[in-house]
């Protein structure tokens, strides 16, 4: 049933390409293929279907809708640096020219914060910055909490639209994912961790495991209090990361 209900991929056009910060690149997708795309999809995810050599399956990569405009979708790509191999989607985004077309499926549901004013804990690296930004924009003005974001460069800090009573902590580490303990150490330093009603976490796989150990195992945050996901794994492409993620979910669900 689900397969039958899945809509056909859309052919979207690149209508803008811009560098937001040294290590974050934004592509805006639009064109006639966007007709009928559901409204209010900030924070939802879409899947890029990137072309490959003839006869091979297309490469599929998942990205967050940072913002839905009247005639476009803004998608932000975290750049991992010259020493790292760019994934096919990042490379596509960097090479994209105005008018280039790409097949996109979705949207899939966003992972928002629960209702209420928290206090919330949001933790992520640059790959989660678009999703965290959306969640902060949608949080009620009276919401409280703490946000920790790992970026590659001081200049990657973005002005986030967030409630006044939330505090923001940036951690700078030039090699994204090279020191997976950084985010967990920052969370362990927080006093009164049990004061947070909900924690939202998305980052590199090894960093996610350390945060899960602390929040779920040591501090007993149950599923109703914790969203935790790995968006990527250092050194692996998305397909390999998915396999590891699946195996990990089986043993840690």
C-alpha atoms as a PDB file:
ATOM      1  CA  UNK A   1       0.000   0.000   0.000  1.00  0.00           C
ATOM      2  CA  UNK A   2       2.732   2.378   1.014  1.00  0.00           C
ATOM      3  CA  UNK A   3       4.590   1.770  -2.249  1.00  0.00           C
ATOM      4  CA  UNK A   4       1.457   2.538  -4.250  1.00  0.00           C
ATOM      5  CA  UNK A   5       0.906   5.767  -2.330  1.00  0.00           C
ATOM      6  CA  UNK A   6       4.462   7.008  -2.811  1.00  0.00           C
ATOM      7  CA  UNK A   7       4.385   9.928  -5.251  1.00  0.00           C
ATOM      8  CA  UNK A   8       6.627  10.081  -8.279  1.00  0.00           C
ATOM      9  CA  UNK A   9       9.878  12.031  -7.857  1.00  0.00           C
ATOM     10  CA  UNK A  10       9.772  15.652  -8.951  1.00  0.00           C
ATOM     11  CA  UNK A  11      12.192  17.196 -11.423  1.00  0.00           C
ATOM     12  CA  UNK A  12      13.308  20.446  -9.785  1.00  0.00           C
ATOM     13  CA  UNK A  13      15.550  23.233 -11.067  1.00  0.00           C
ATOM     14  CA  UNK A  14      18.358  25.073  -9.347  1.00  0.00           C
ATOM     15  CA  UNK A  15      17.137  28.667  -9.097  1.00  0.00           C
ATOM     16  CA  UNK A  16      19.842  29.968  -6.713  1.00  0.00           C
ATOM     17  CA  UNK A  17      23.236  28.841  -5.399  1.00  0.00           C
ATOM     18  CA  UNK A  18      25.004  30.709  -2.596  1.00  0.00           C
ATOM     19  CA  UNK A  19      27.667  30.217   0.085  1.00  0.00           C
ATOM     20  CA  UNK A  20      26.129  31.098   3.461  1.00  0.00           C
ATOM     21  CA  UNK A  21      29.281  30.638   5.539  1.00  0.00           C
ATOM     22  CA  UNK A  22      32.689  29.135   4.659  1.00  0.00           C
ATOM     23  CA  UNK A  23      31.380  25.591   5.177  1.00  0.00           C
ATOM     24  CA  UNK A  24      27.657  25.821   4.454  1.00  0.00           C
ATOM     25  CA  UNK A  25      26.329  26.025   0.903  1.00  0.00           C
ATOM     26  CA  UNK A  26      22.691  26.702   0.042  1.00  0.00           C
ATOM     27  CA  UNK A  27      20.859  25.582  -3.076  1.00  0.00           C
ATOM     28  CA  UNK A  28      17.329  26.830  -3.769  1.00  0.00           C
ATOM     29  CA  UNK A  29      15.232  24.462  -5.868  1.00  0.00           C
ATOM     30  CA  UNK A  30      12.169  25.543  -7.826  1.00  0.00           C
ATOM     31  CA  UNK A  31      10.578  25.285 -11.256  1.00  0.00           C
ATOM     32  CA  UNK A  32       7.359  23.722 -12.515  1.00  0.00           C
ATOM     33  CA  UNK A  33       8.148  20.425 -10.808  1.00  0.00           C
ATOM     34  CA  UNK A  34       7.374  22.065  -7.476  1.00  0.00           C
ATOM     35  CA  UNK A  35       3.694  22.479  -8.368  1.00  0.00           C
ATOM     36  CA  UNK A  36       1.546  20.706  -5.783  1.00  0.00           C
ATOM     37  CA  UNK A  37       4.386  20.263  -3.280  1.00  0.00           C
ATOM     38  CA  UNK A  38       2.753  20.265   0.178  1.00  0.00           C
ATOM     39  CA  UNK A  39       2.849  23.490   2.188  1.00  0.00           C
ATOM     40  CA  UNK A  40       4.537  24.082   5.568  1.00  0.00           C
ATOM     41  CA  UNK A  41       7.471  21.727   5.014  1.00  0.00           C
ATOM     42  CA  UNK A  42      10.215  23.625   6.852  1.00  0.00           C
ATOM     43  CA  UNK A  43      12.262  20.912   8.605  1.00  0.00           C
ATOM     44  CA  UNK A  44      10.873  18.064   6.502  1.00  0.00           C
ATOM     45  CA  UNK A  45      13.313  15.917   4.556  1.00  0.00           C
ATOM     46  CA  UNK A  46      13.646  15.274   0.851  1.00  0.00           C
ATOM     47  CA  UNK A  47      15.703  12.715  -1.027  1.00  0.00           C
ATOM     48  CA  UNK A  48      17.938  13.698  -3.912  1.00  0.00           C
ATOM     49  CA  UNK A  49      18.191  11.097  -6.673  1.00  0.00           C
ATOM     50  CA  UNK A  50      21.517  11.835  -8.287  1.00  0.00           C
ATOM     51  CA  UNK A  51      22.339  10.499 -11.735  1.00  0.00           C
ATOM     52  CA  UNK A  52      24.999   7.815 -12.154  1.00  0.00           C
ATOM     53  CA  UNK A  53      26.538   5.990 -15.075  1.00  0.00           C
ATOM     54  CA  UNK A  54      23.970   4.438 -17.406  1.00  0.00           C
ATOM     55  CA  UNK A  55      22.403   1.249 -16.094  1.00  0.00           C
ATOM     56  CA  UNK A  56      23.261   1.929 -12.446  1.00  0.00           C
ATOM     57  CA  UNK A  57      20.775   2.860  -9.727  1.00  0.00           C
ATOM     58  CA  UNK A  58      20.662   6.555  -8.931  1.00  0.00           C
ATOM     59  CA  UNK A  59      22.470   7.689  -5.775  1.00  0.00           C
ATOM     60  CA  UNK A  60      19.976   8.732  -3.094  1.00  0.00           C
ATOM     61  CA  UNK A  61      20.870  11.307  -0.439  1.00  0.00           C
ATOM     62  CA  UNK A  62      18.660  12.788   2.312  1.00  0.00           C
ATOM     63  CA  UNK A  63      18.538  16.497   3.195  1.00  0.00           C
ATOM     64  CA  UNK A  64      16.446  18.796   5.384  1.00  0.00           C
ATOM     65  CA  UNK A  65      14.237  21.507   3.898  1.00  0.00           C
ATOM     66  CA  UNK A  66      15.692  24.559   5.639  1.00  0.00           C
ATOM     67  CA  UNK A  67      12.917  26.848   4.425  1.00  0.00           C
ATOM     68  CA  UNK A  68      10.028  26.565   2.026  1.00  0.00           C
ATOM     69  CA  UNK A  69       9.542  29.713  -0.008  1.00  0.00           C
ATOM     70  CA  UNK A  70       6.569  30.550  -2.177  1.00  0.00           C
ATOM     71  CA  UNK A  71       8.349  29.213  -5.263  1.00  0.00           C
ATOM     72  CA  UNK A  72      11.263  27.265  -3.899  1.00  0.00           C
ATOM     73  CA  UNK A  73      12.913  25.007  -1.317  1.00  0.00           C
ATOM     74  CA  UNK A  74      16.114  26.089   0.417  1.00  0.00           C
ATOM     75  CA  UNK A  75      18.484  23.181   1.083  1.00  0.00           C
ATOM     76  CA  UNK A  76      21.722  23.658   3.046  1.00  0.00           C
ATOM     77  CA  UNK A  77      24.770  21.434   2.499  1.00  0.00           C
ATOM     78  CA  UNK A  78      27.456  21.178   5.195  1.00  0.00           C
ATOM     79  CA  UNK A  79      30.926  21.087   3.635  1.00  0.00           C
ATOM     80  CA  UNK A  80      33.464  18.757   5.205  1.00  0.00           C
ATOM     81  CA  UNK A  81      36.634  20.379   3.883  1.00  0.00           C
ATOM     82  CA  UNK A  82      39.237  19.923   1.185  1.00  0.00           C
ATOM     83  CA  UNK A  83      40.952  17.033   2.970  1.00  0.00           C
ATOM     84  CA  UNK A  84      37.729  15.019   3.077  1.00  0.00           C
ATOM     85  CA  UNK A  85      36.112  13.464   0.033  1.00  0.00           C
ATOM     86  CA  UNK A  86      32.907  15.364  -0.748  1.00  0.00           C
ATOM     87  CA  UNK A  87      29.882  13.117  -0.973  1.00  0.00           C
ATOM     88  CA  UNK A  88      28.042  13.044  -4.307  1.00  0.00           C
ATOM     89  CA  UNK A  89      25.247  15.362  -3.126  1.00  0.00           C
ATOM     90  CA  UNK A  90      27.653  17.955  -1.716  1.00  0.00           C
ATOM     91  CA  UNK A  91      29.728  17.802  -4.890  1.00  0.00           C
ATOM     92  CA  UNK A  92      26.566  18.180  -6.956  1.00  0.00           C
ATOM     93  CA  UNK A  93      25.560  21.248  -4.889  1.00  0.00           C
ATOM     94  CA  UNK A  94      28.984  22.856  -5.288  1.00  0.00           C
ATOM     95  CA  UNK A  95      28.991  22.263  -9.058  1.00  0.00           C
ATOM     96  CA  UNK A  96      25.328  23.183  -9.620  1.00  0.00           C
ATOM     97  CA  UNK A  97      24.595  25.918 -12.126  1.00  0.00           C
ATOM     98  CA  UNK A  98      21.356  27.872 -12.408  1.00  0.00           C
ATOM     99  CA  UNK A  99      18.894  25.812 -14.432  1.00  0.00           C
ATOM    100  CA  UNK A 100      20.460  22.443 -13.552  1.00  0.00           C
ATOM    101  CA  UNK A 101      17.805  19.817 -12.854  1.00  0.00           C
ATOM    102  CA  UNK A 102      17.659  17.125 -10.199  1.00  0.00           C
ATOM    103  CA  UNK A 103      15.103  14.482  -9.230  1.00  0.00           C
ATOM    104  CA  UNK A 104      13.745  14.848  -5.702  1.00  0.00           C
ATOM    105  CA  UNK A 105      11.323  12.671  -3.739  1.00  0.00           C
ATOM    106  CA  UNK A 106       9.435  13.511  -0.560  1.00  0.00           C
ATOM    107  CA  UNK A 107       8.710  15.317   1.603  1.00  0.00           C
ATOM    108  CA  UNK A 108       9.118  13.070   4.630  1.00  0.00           C
ATOM    109  CA  UNK A 109       8.001  14.294   8.067  1.00  0.00           C
ATOM    110  CA  UNK A 110      10.030  16.744  10.140  1.00  0.00           C
ATOM    111  CA  UNK A 111      11.232  15.794  13.625  1.00  0.00           C
ATOM    112  CA  UNK A 112       9.958  18.766  15.636  1.00  0.00           C
ATOM    113  CA  UNK A 113      10.260  19.512  19.325  1.00  0.00           C
ATOM    114  CA  UNK A 114       7.228  18.471  21.377  1.00  0.00           C
ATOM    115  CA  UNK A 115       4.611  21.007  22.417  1.00  0.00           C
ATOM    116  CA  UNK A 116       5.325  23.189  25.417  1.00  0.00           C
ATOM    117  CA  UNK A 117       8.103  25.471  26.566  1.00  0.00           C
ATOM    118  CA  UNK A 118      10.703  22.894  27.640  1.00  0.00           C
ATOM    119  CA  UNK A 119      13.356  23.404  28.865  1.00  0.00           C
ATOM    120  CA  UNK A 120      14.710  21.770  25.686  1.00  0.00           C
ATOM    121  CA  UNK A 121      18.217  20.560  24.920  1.00  0.00           C
ATOM    122  CA  UNK A 122      19.211  20.634  21.226  1.00  0.00           C
ATOM    123  CA  UNK A 123      22.547  19.161  20.187  1.00  0.00           C
ATOM    124  CA  UNK A 124      24.044  18.685  16.735  1.00  0.00           C
ATOM    125  CA  UNK A 125      26.868  19.268  14.303  1.00  0.00           C
ATOM    126  CA  UNK A 126      26.710  21.345  11.126  1.00  0.00           C
ATOM    127  CA  UNK A 127      24.733  18.673   9.265  1.00  0.00           C
ATOM    128  CA  UNK A 128      21.907  19.194  11.779  1.00  0.00           C
ATOM    129  CA  UNK A 129      22.080  22.989  11.759  1.00  0.00           C
ATOM    130  CA  UNK A 130      19.204  23.329   9.229  1.00  0.00           C
ATOM    131  CA  UNK A 131      16.888  21.082  11.295  1.00  0.00           C
ATOM    132  CA  UNK A 132      17.867  22.727  14.595  1.00  0.00           C
ATOM    133  CA  UNK A 133      17.336  26.192  13.058  1.00  0.00           C
ATOM    134  CA  UNK A 134      13.792  25.226  12.008  1.00  0.00           C
ATOM    135  CA  UNK A 135      12.983  23.781  15.447  1.00  0.00           C
ATOM    136  CA  UNK A 136      14.169  26.974  17.151  1.00  0.00           C
ATOM    137  CA  UNK A 137      12.102  29.132  14.786  1.00  0.00           C
ATOM    138  CA  UNK A 138       8.979  27.136  15.598  1.00  0.00           C
ATOM    139  CA  UNK A 139       9.566  26.986  19.371  1.00  0.00           C
ATOM    140  CA  UNK A 140       7.179  29.189  21.376  1.00  0.00           C
ATOM    141  CA  UNK A 141       8.642  32.535  22.439  1.00  0.00           C
ATOM    142  CA  UNK A 142       8.490  31.483  26.110  1.00  0.00           C
ATOM    143  CA  UNK A 143      10.496  28.296  25.472  1.00  0.00           C
ATOM    144  CA  UNK A 144      13.658  27.762  27.506  1.00  0.00           C
ATOM    145  CA  UNK A 145      16.651  25.563  26.973  1.00  0.00           C
ATOM    146  CA  UNK A 146      20.187  25.159  25.694  1.00  0.00           C
ATOM    147  CA  UNK A 147      21.558  24.614  22.199  1.00  0.00           C
ATOM    148  CA  UNK A 148      24.986  23.124  21.386  1.00  0.00           C
ATOM    149  CA  UNK A 149      26.190  23.168  17.773  1.00  0.00           C
ATOM    150  CA  UNK A 150      29.518  21.931  16.420  1.00  0.00           C
ATOM    151  CA  UNK A 151      30.844  23.928  13.455  1.00  0.00           C
ATOM    152  CA  UNK A 152      34.089  23.873  11.480  1.00  0.00           C
ATOM    153  CA  UNK A 153      35.021  27.544  11.694  1.00  0.00           C
ATOM    154  CA  UNK A 154      34.132  30.590  13.819  1.00  0.00           C
ATOM    155  CA  UNK A 155      32.797  32.127  10.611  1.00  0.00           C
ATOM    156  CA  UNK A 156      30.258  29.268  10.293  1.00  0.00           C
ATOM    157  CA  UNK A 157      28.201  30.738  13.135  1.00  0.00           C
ATOM    158  CA  UNK A 158      24.764  31.709  11.867  1.00  0.00           C
ATOM    159  CA  UNK A 159      22.323  34.164  13.407  1.00  0.00           C
ATOM    160  CA  UNK A 160      19.580  31.870  14.692  1.00  0.00           C
ATOM    161  CA  UNK A 161      16.029  33.055  15.233  1.00  0.00           C
ATOM    162  CA  UNK A 162      15.348  31.590  18.673  1.00  0.00           C
ATOM    163  CA  UNK A 163      13.432  32.269  21.898  1.00  0.00           C
ATOM    164  CA  UNK A 164      15.077  34.814  24.221  1.00  0.00           C
ATOM    165  CA  UNK A 165      15.391  32.365  27.106  1.00  0.00           C
ATOM    166  CA  UNK A 166      17.403  29.781  25.189  1.00  0.00           C
ATOM    167  CA  UNK A 167      21.185  29.836  25.356  1.00  0.00           C
ATOM    168  CA  UNK A 168      23.435  28.953  22.439  1.00  0.00           C
ATOM    169  CA  UNK A 169      26.869  27.335  22.647  1.00  0.00           C
ATOM    170  CA  UNK A 170      29.058  26.942  19.554  1.00  0.00           C
ATOM    171  CA  UNK A 171      31.926  24.440  19.474  1.00  0.00           C
ATOM    172  CA  UNK A 172      34.539  24.894  16.741  1.00  0.00           C
ATOM    173  CA  UNK A 173      36.424  21.878  15.376  1.00  0.00           C
ATOM    174  CA  UNK A 174      37.930  22.153  11.887  1.00  0.00           C
ATOM    175  CA  UNK A 175      37.686  18.437  11.099  1.00  0.00           C
ATOM    176  CA  UNK A 176      33.987  17.671  11.411  1.00  0.00           C
ATOM    177  CA  UNK A 177      33.492  14.312  13.157  1.00  0.00           C
ATOM    178  CA  UNK A 178      37.194  13.750  13.936  1.00  0.00           C
ATOM    179  CA  UNK A 179      36.624  14.144  17.692  1.00  0.00           C
ATOM    180  CA  UNK A 180      33.282  12.465  18.376  1.00  0.00           C
ATOM    181  CA  UNK A 181      33.533  13.059  22.136  1.00  0.00           C
ATOM    182  CA  UNK A 182      33.274  16.871  21.846  1.00  0.00           C
ATOM    183  CA  UNK A 183      29.473  17.093  21.858  1.00  0.00           C
ATOM    184  CA  UNK A 184      29.064  14.519  24.635  1.00  0.00           C
ATOM    185  CA  UNK A 185      31.636  16.340  26.777  1.00  0.00           C
ATOM    186  CA  UNK A 186      29.726  19.593  26.312  1.00  0.00           C
ATOM    187  CA  UNK A 187      26.462  17.918  27.352  1.00  0.00           C
ATOM    188  CA  UNK A 188      28.105  16.237  30.372  1.00  0.00           C
ATOM    189  CA  UNK A 189      29.275  19.670  31.541  1.00  0.00           C
ATOM    190  CA  UNK A 190      25.682  20.937  31.778  1.00  0.00           C
ATOM    191  CA  UNK A 191      24.369  21.170  35.329  1.00  0.00           C
ATOM    192  CA  UNK A 192      20.956  19.677  36.140  1.00  0.00           C
ATOM    193  CA  UNK A 193      20.583  17.566  33.008  1.00  0.00           C
ATOM    194  CA  UNK A 194      17.342  16.159  34.444  1.00  0.00           C
ATOM    195  CA  UNK A 195      15.850  19.640  34.261  1.00  0.00           C
ATOM    196  CA  UNK A 196      15.433  19.260  30.485  1.00  0.00           C
ATOM    197  CA  UNK A 197      12.017  17.947  29.534  1.00  0.00           C
ATOM    198  CA  UNK A 198      13.224  16.842  26.084  1.00  0.00           C
ATOM    199  CA  UNK A 199      16.510  16.376  24.232  1.00  0.00           C
ATOM    200  CA  UNK A 200      16.812  16.578  20.426  1.00  0.00           C
ATOM    201  CA  UNK A 201      20.112  15.223  19.086  1.00  0.00           C
ATOM    202  CA  UNK A 202      21.440  14.686  15.542  1.00  0.00           C
ATOM    203  CA  UNK A 203      25.079  14.391  14.529  1.00  0.00           C
ATOM    204  CA  UNK A 204      27.822  12.041  13.329  1.00  0.00           C
ATOM    205  CA  UNK A 205      27.363   8.328  14.193  1.00  0.00           C
ATOM    206  CA  UNK A 206      30.181   7.912  16.749  1.00  0.00           C
ATOM    207  CA  UNK A 207      29.227  11.198  18.455  1.00  0.00           C
ATOM    208  CA  UNK A 208      25.591  10.039  18.542  1.00  0.00           C
ATOM    209  CA  UNK A 209      26.573   6.794  20.310  1.00  0.00           C
ATOM    210  CA  UNK A 210      28.401   8.702  23.063  1.00  0.00           C
ATOM    211  CA  UNK A 211      25.448  11.059  23.552  1.00  0.00           C
ATOM    212  CA  UNK A 212      23.020   8.136  23.598  1.00  0.00           C
ATOM    213  CA  UNK A 213      25.121   6.381  26.242  1.00  0.00           C
ATOM    214  CA  UNK A 214      24.930   9.452  28.453  1.00  0.00           C
ATOM    215  CA  UNK A 215      21.327  10.557  27.883  1.00  0.00           C
ATOM    216  CA  UNK A 216      19.508   7.254  27.397  1.00  0.00           C
ATOM    217  CA  UNK A 217      21.600   4.835  29.460  1.00  0.00           C
ATOM    218  CA  UNK A 218      23.143   6.912  32.249  1.00  0.00           C
ATOM    219  CA  UNK A 219      20.470   9.605  32.613  1.00  0.00           C
ATOM    220  CA  UNK A 220      17.489   7.410  31.668  1.00  0.00           C
ATOM    221  CA  UNK A 221      15.940   9.693  29.064  1.00  0.00           C
ATOM    222  CA  UNK A 222      13.170   7.496  27.624  1.00  0.00           C
ATOM    223  CA  UNK A 223      11.819   7.685  24.072  1.00  0.00           C
ATOM    224  CA  UNK A 224       9.239  10.262  25.132  1.00  0.00           C
ATOM    225  CA  UNK A 225      12.091  12.580  26.209  1.00  0.00           C
ATOM    226  CA  UNK A 226      14.694  11.932  23.532  1.00  0.00           C
ATOM    227  CA  UNK A 227      15.006  12.155  19.759  1.00  0.00           C
ATOM    228  CA  UNK A 228      18.454  10.937  18.748  1.00  0.00           C
ATOM    229  CA  UNK A 229      19.734  10.215  15.254  1.00  0.00           C
ATOM    230  CA  UNK A 230      22.975   9.952  13.333  1.00  0.00           C
ATOM    231  CA  UNK A 231      22.919  11.925  10.087  1.00  0.00           C
ATOM    232  CA  UNK A 232      26.235  10.569   8.781  1.00  0.00           C
ATOM    233  CA  UNK A 233      29.344   8.594   9.701  1.00  0.00           C
ATOM    234  CA  UNK A 234      32.838   9.941   9.153  1.00  0.00           C
ATOM    235  CA  UNK A 235      34.560   8.048   6.363  1.00  0.00           C
ATOM    236  CA  UNK A 236      31.410   6.349   5.060  1.00  0.00           C
ATOM    237  CA  UNK A 237      28.996   7.196   2.269  1.00  0.00           C
ATOM    238  CA  UNK A 238      25.282   7.333   3.086  1.00  0.00           C
ATOM    239  CA  UNK A 239      24.479   3.785   1.923  1.00  0.00           C
ATOM    240  CA  UNK A 240      27.154   2.300   4.215  1.00  0.00           C
ATOM    241  CA  UNK A 241      26.026   4.570   7.048  1.00  0.00           C
ATOM    242  CA  UNK A 242      22.442   3.350   6.586  1.00  0.00           C
ATOM    243  CA  UNK A 243      23.547  -0.289   6.971  1.00  0.00           C
ATOM    244  CA  UNK A 244      25.451   0.491  10.180  1.00  0.00           C
ATOM    245  CA  UNK A 245      22.571   2.610  11.466  1.00  0.00           C
ATOM    246  CA  UNK A 246      20.100  -0.221  10.840  1.00  0.00           C
ATOM    247  CA  UNK A 247      22.246  -2.768  12.648  1.00  0.00           C
ATOM    248  CA  UNK A 248      22.799  -0.349  15.505  1.00  0.00           C
ATOM    249  CA  UNK A 249      19.050   0.339  15.805  1.00  0.00           C
ATOM    250  CA  UNK A 250      18.343  -3.390  16.124  1.00  0.00           C
ATOM    251  CA  UNK A 251      20.650  -3.743  19.118  1.00  0.00           C
ATOM    252  CA  UNK A 252      19.781  -0.392  20.734  1.00  0.00           C
ATOM    253  CA  UNK A 253      16.079   0.101  20.074  1.00  0.00           C
END
